[in-house]
Amino acid sequence: MTRVLFVGQAQSRTTASKPPFSGASAKRLATWLGQTHEDFLESHDVMNLVVGWPGRARGVRGDAFDARAAGEAARLAPTAGRHVVLLGRAVAAVFGLDGHEPLSTVSSGIGTVFLLLPHPSGINRWYNEPQHVARARQALQDFVLASI
């Protein structure tokens, strides 16, 4: 069994000094998978494309995102032949997968299967609809199960 790789943007302001996937978004993913946060981190691989907190974005809600630096990290990411969850549109775009619908799965020619999950942060309004939460939870559970 290959471990699922979760790819995020960067740490938040409150988790900048902690390891990747230490915050509320990772805890939300763990809950959706029926795991504790600790079990989630032990059973899956995680990485952020940008190290540390990049600061606030100008003119929009959320954090800044250095797509150029993220692109370099994406090229080096160990994705070949794996199931990979991309968290958010910006991360999907860095992998060349912008334009796909939320919760899409996309297969590459090298055996990699991507799940495009809307970013699970508290500021993402997509999750304000209860049916979106249910769909995301189910898609994530099915995707992780398919990797076994």
C-alpha atoms as a PDB file:
ATOM      1  CA  MET A   1       0.000   0.000   0.000  1.00  0.00           C
ATOM      2  CA  THR A   2       1.269   3.442  -0.944  1.00  0.00           C
ATOM      3  CA  ARG A   3       0.587   6.241   1.479  1.00  0.00           C
ATOM      4  CA  VAL A   4      -1.613   9.061   0.216  1.00  0.00           C
ATOM      5  CA  LEU A   5       0.237  12.353  -0.180  1.00  0.00           C
ATOM      6  CA  PHE A   6      -1.584  15.513   0.924  1.00  0.00           C
ATOM      7  CA  VAL A   7      -0.199  18.716  -0.625  1.00  0.00           C
ATOM      8  CA  GLY A   8      -1.074  22.087   0.878  1.00  0.00           C
ATOM      9  CA  GLN A   9      -0.057  25.677   0.237  1.00  0.00           C
ATOM     10  CA  ALA A  10       1.815  26.698   3.378  1.00  0.00           C
ATOM     11  CA  GLN A  11       1.516  26.911   7.123  1.00  0.00           C
ATOM     12  CA  SER A  12      -0.822  29.476   8.587  1.00  0.00           C
ATOM     13  CA  ARG A  13       0.240  32.421  10.690  1.00  0.00           C
ATOM     14  CA  THR A  14      -0.627  30.490  13.864  1.00  0.00           C
ATOM     15  CA  THR A  15       1.236  27.308  12.846  1.00  0.00           C
ATOM     16  CA  ALA A  16       4.256  28.873  11.109  1.00  0.00           C
ATOM     17  CA  SER A  17       6.686  27.589  13.745  1.00  0.00           C
ATOM     18  CA  LYS A  18       5.157  24.095  13.824  1.00  0.00           C
ATOM     19  CA  PRO A  19       5.490  21.127  11.445  1.00  0.00           C
ATOM     20  CA  PRO A  20       3.354  21.107   8.272  1.00  0.00           C
ATOM     21  CA  PHE A  21      -0.299  20.135   8.700  1.00  0.00           C
ATOM     22  CA  SER A  22      -0.422  21.143  12.371  1.00  0.00           C
ATOM     23  CA  GLY A  23      -3.464  23.375  12.102  1.00  0.00           C
ATOM     24  CA  ALA A  24      -7.228  23.277  11.909  1.00  0.00           C
ATOM     25  CA  SER A  25      -7.362  22.319   8.216  1.00  0.00           C
ATOM     26  CA  ALA A  26      -5.416  19.110   8.842  1.00  0.00           C
ATOM     27  CA  LYS A  27      -7.547  18.336  11.868  1.00  0.00           C
ATOM     28  CA  ARG A  28     -10.647  18.764   9.695  1.00  0.00           C
ATOM     29  CA  LEU A  29      -9.220  16.311   7.120  1.00  0.00           C
ATOM     30  CA  ALA A  30      -8.448  13.811   9.888  1.00  0.00           C
ATOM     31  CA  THR A  31     -11.997  14.075  11.221  1.00  0.00           C
ATOM     32  CA  TRP A  32     -13.422  13.467   7.748  1.00  0.00           C
ATOM     33  CA  LEU A  33     -11.327  10.287   7.550  1.00  0.00           C
ATOM     34  CA  GLY A  34     -12.430   9.151  11.015  1.00  0.00           C
ATOM     35  CA  GLN A  35      -8.915   9.562  12.409  1.00  0.00           C
ATOM     36  CA  THR A  36      -7.294  11.517  15.177  1.00  0.00           C
ATOM     37  CA  HIS A  37      -4.926  14.225  14.025  1.00  0.00           C
ATOM     38  CA  GLU A  38      -1.993  12.130  15.221  1.00  0.00           C
ATOM     39  CA  ASP A  39      -3.205   9.029  13.323  1.00  0.00           C
ATOM     40  CA  PHE A  40      -3.720  11.144  10.201  1.00  0.00           C
ATOM     41  CA  LEU A  41      -0.122  12.374  10.318  1.00  0.00           C
ATOM     42  CA  GLU A  42       1.208   8.863  10.969  1.00  0.00           C
ATOM     43  CA  SER A  43      -0.744   7.179   8.169  1.00  0.00           C
ATOM     44  CA  HIS A  44      -0.360   9.740   5.353  1.00  0.00           C
ATOM     45  CA  ASP A  45       2.451  11.784   3.856  1.00  0.00           C
ATOM     46  CA  VAL A  46       2.040  15.555   3.978  1.00  0.00           C
ATOM     47  CA  MET A  47       3.865  18.494   2.469  1.00  0.00           C
ATOM     48  CA  ASN A  48       3.383  22.186   1.871  1.00  0.00           C
ATOM     49  CA  LEU A  49       4.618  23.837  -1.298  1.00  0.00           C
ATOM     50  CA  VAL A  50       5.840  26.918   0.579  1.00  0.00           C
ATOM     51  CA  VAL A  51       7.810  26.671   3.801  1.00  0.00           C
ATOM     52  CA  GLY A  52       6.569  28.837   6.651  1.00  0.00           C
ATOM     53  CA  TRP A  53       3.804  31.429   6.572  1.00  0.00           C
ATOM     54  CA  PRO A  54       3.995  33.610   3.435  1.00  0.00           C
ATOM     55  CA  GLY A  55       2.082  36.559   4.951  1.00  0.00           C
ATOM     56  CA  ARG A  56      -1.280  38.035   4.081  1.00  0.00           C
ATOM     57  CA  ALA A  57      -2.456  38.343   0.497  1.00  0.00           C
ATOM     58  CA  ARG A  58      -2.955  41.858  -0.786  1.00  0.00           C
ATOM     59  CA  GLY A  59      -6.498  42.880  -1.613  1.00  0.00           C
ATOM     60  CA  VAL A  60      -8.141  39.497  -0.951  1.00  0.00           C
ATOM     61  CA  ARG A  61      -8.962  37.283   2.018  1.00  0.00           C
ATOM     62  CA  GLY A  62      -6.392  34.674   2.893  1.00  0.00           C
ATOM     63  CA  ASP A  63      -2.663  34.219   2.778  1.00  0.00           C
ATOM     64  CA  ALA A  64      -0.196  35.138   0.056  1.00  0.00           C
ATOM     65  CA  PHE A  65       0.983  32.372  -2.274  1.00  0.00           C
ATOM     66  CA  ASP A  66       4.272  32.445  -4.176  1.00  0.00           C
ATOM     67  CA  ALA A  67       3.319  30.386  -7.239  1.00  0.00           C
ATOM     68  CA  ARG A  68       6.873  30.442  -8.633  1.00  0.00           C
ATOM     69  CA  ALA A  69       8.417  28.971  -5.480  1.00  0.00           C
ATOM     70  CA  ALA A  70       5.486  26.570  -5.170  1.00  0.00           C
ATOM     71  CA  GLY A  71       6.017  25.448  -8.764  1.00  0.00           C
ATOM     72  CA  GLU A  72       9.585  24.434  -7.994  1.00  0.00           C
ATOM     73  CA  ALA A  73       8.431  22.471  -4.939  1.00  0.00           C
ATOM     74  CA  ALA A  74       5.708  20.805  -7.030  1.00  0.00           C
ATOM     75  CA  ARG A  75       8.273  19.634  -9.598  1.00  0.00           C
ATOM     76  CA  LEU A  76      10.251  18.001  -6.790  1.00  0.00           C
ATOM     77  CA  ALA A  77       7.232  16.495  -5.001  1.00  0.00           C
ATOM     78  CA  PRO A  78       7.276  12.684  -4.799  1.00  0.00           C
ATOM     79  CA  THR A  79       4.016  12.158  -6.714  1.00  0.00           C
ATOM     80  CA  ALA A  80       4.850   9.496  -9.339  1.00  0.00           C
ATOM     81  CA  GLY A  81       2.511   6.528  -9.092  1.00  0.00           C
ATOM     82  CA  ARG A  82       0.749   7.828  -6.010  1.00  0.00           C
ATOM     83  CA  HIS A  83      -2.648   9.033  -4.868  1.00  0.00           C
ATOM     84  CA  VAL A  84      -2.227  12.764  -4.180  1.00  0.00           C
ATOM     85  CA  VAL A  85      -4.734  15.144  -2.580  1.00  0.00           C
ATOM     86  CA  LEU A  86      -4.226  18.730  -3.749  1.00  0.00           C
ATOM     87  CA  LEU A  87      -5.685  21.192  -1.262  1.00  0.00           C
ATOM     88  CA  GLY A  88      -7.112  24.222  -3.010  1.00  0.00           C
ATOM     89  CA  ARG A  89      -7.219  25.833  -6.445  1.00  0.00           C
ATOM     90  CA  ALA A  90      -3.814  27.471  -6.128  1.00  0.00           C
ATOM     91  CA  VAL A  91      -2.131  24.137  -5.400  1.00  0.00           C
ATOM     92  CA  ALA A  92      -4.014  22.459  -8.262  1.00  0.00           C
ATOM     93  CA  ALA A  93      -2.931  25.254 -10.616  1.00  0.00           C
ATOM     94  CA  VAL A  94       0.734  24.776  -9.697  1.00  0.00           C
ATOM     95  CA  PHE A  95       0.370  21.129 -10.753  1.00  0.00           C
ATOM     96  CA  GLY A  96      -1.228  22.255 -14.032  1.00  0.00           C
ATOM     97  CA  LEU A  97      -4.685  21.117 -12.972  1.00  0.00           C
ATOM     98  CA  ASP A  98      -6.560  24.402 -12.835  1.00  0.00           C
ATOM     99  CA  GLY A  99      -9.907  24.472 -14.569  1.00  0.00           C
ATOM    100  CA  HIS A 100     -11.156  21.200 -13.098  1.00  0.00           C
ATOM    101  CA  GLU A 101     -14.267  21.041 -10.950  1.00  0.00           C
ATOM    102  CA  PRO A 102     -13.926  20.714  -7.147  1.00  0.00           C
ATOM    103  CA  LEU A 103     -13.669  17.077  -6.038  1.00  0.00           C
ATOM    104  CA  SER A 104     -12.467  15.949  -9.477  1.00  0.00           C
ATOM    105  CA  THR A 105     -10.017  13.104  -9.770  1.00  0.00           C
ATOM    106  CA  VAL A 106      -7.425  13.411 -12.504  1.00  0.00           C
ATOM    107  CA  SER A 107      -5.043  10.672 -13.633  1.00  0.00           C
ATOM    108  CA  SER A 108      -1.618  11.389 -15.076  1.00  0.00           C
ATOM    109  CA  GLY A 109       0.354   9.343 -17.553  1.00  0.00           C
ATOM    110  CA  ILE A 110       2.766   8.221 -14.840  1.00  0.00           C
ATOM    111  CA  GLY A 111       0.234   6.479 -12.636  1.00  0.00           C
ATOM    112  CA  THR A 112      -0.472   9.402 -10.360  1.00  0.00           C
ATOM    113  CA  VAL A 113      -4.097  10.064  -9.400  1.00  0.00           C
ATOM    114  CA  PHE A 114      -4.970  13.487  -8.032  1.00  0.00           C
ATOM    115  CA  LEU A 115      -8.010  14.502  -5.971  1.00  0.00           C
ATOM    116  CA  LEU A 116      -8.734  18.224  -6.236  1.00  0.00           C
ATOM    117  CA  LEU A 117     -10.156  19.097  -2.856  1.00  0.00           C
ATOM    118  CA  PRO A 118     -11.286  22.651  -2.099  1.00  0.00           C
ATOM    119  CA  HIS A 119      -8.993  24.064   0.566  1.00  0.00           C
ATOM    120  CA  PRO A 120     -10.399  22.972   3.953  1.00  0.00           C
ATOM    121  CA  SER A 121      -9.597  26.211   5.753  1.00  0.00           C
ATOM    122  CA  GLY A 122     -12.188  28.033   7.786  1.00  0.00           C
ATOM    123  CA  ILE A 123     -12.292  30.964   5.348  1.00  0.00           C
ATOM    124  CA  ASN A 124     -13.289  28.854   2.343  1.00  0.00           C
ATOM    125  CA  ARG A 125     -16.953  29.686   1.767  1.00  0.00           C
ATOM    126  CA  TRP A 126     -17.465  26.590  -0.420  1.00  0.00           C
ATOM    127  CA  TYR A 127     -17.848  24.595   2.800  1.00  0.00           C
ATOM    128  CA  ASN A 128     -20.656  26.846   4.077  1.00  0.00           C
ATOM    129  CA  GLU A 129     -23.069  24.531   2.264  1.00  0.00           C
ATOM    130  CA  PRO A 130     -23.599  21.335   4.315  1.00  0.00           C
ATOM    131  CA  GLN A 131     -23.915  19.254   1.152  1.00  0.00           C
ATOM    132  CA  HIS A 132     -20.444  20.418   0.076  1.00  0.00           C
ATOM    133  CA  VAL A 133     -18.972  19.198   3.365  1.00  0.00           C
ATOM    134  CA  ALA A 134     -20.691  15.838   2.919  1.00  0.00           C
ATOM    135  CA  ARG A 135     -19.496  15.532  -0.696  1.00  0.00           C
ATOM    136  CA  ALA A 136     -15.917  16.468   0.221  1.00  0.00           C
ATOM    137  CA  ARG A 137     -15.870  14.010   3.128  1.00  0.00           C
ATOM    138  CA  GLN A 138     -17.177  11.199   0.911  1.00  0.00           C
ATOM    139  CA  ALA A 139     -14.798  12.003  -1.958  1.00  0.00           C
ATOM    140  CA  LEU A 140     -11.836  12.028   0.415  1.00  0.00           C
ATOM    141  CA  GLN A 141     -12.845   8.773   2.076  1.00  0.00           C
ATOM    142  CA  ASP A 142     -13.371   7.062  -1.311  1.00  0.00           C
ATOM    143  CA  PHE A 143     -10.056   8.386  -2.640  1.00  0.00           C
ATOM    144  CA  VAL A 144      -8.054   7.194   0.350  1.00  0.00           C
ATOM    145  CA  LEU A 145      -9.812   3.813   0.273  1.00  0.00           C
ATOM    146  CA  ALA A 146      -8.976   3.441  -3.439  1.00  0.00           C
ATOM    147  CA  SER A 147      -5.273   3.877  -2.627  1.00  0.00           C
ATOM    148  CA  ILE A 148      -5.197   0.722  -0.530  1.00  0.00           C
END
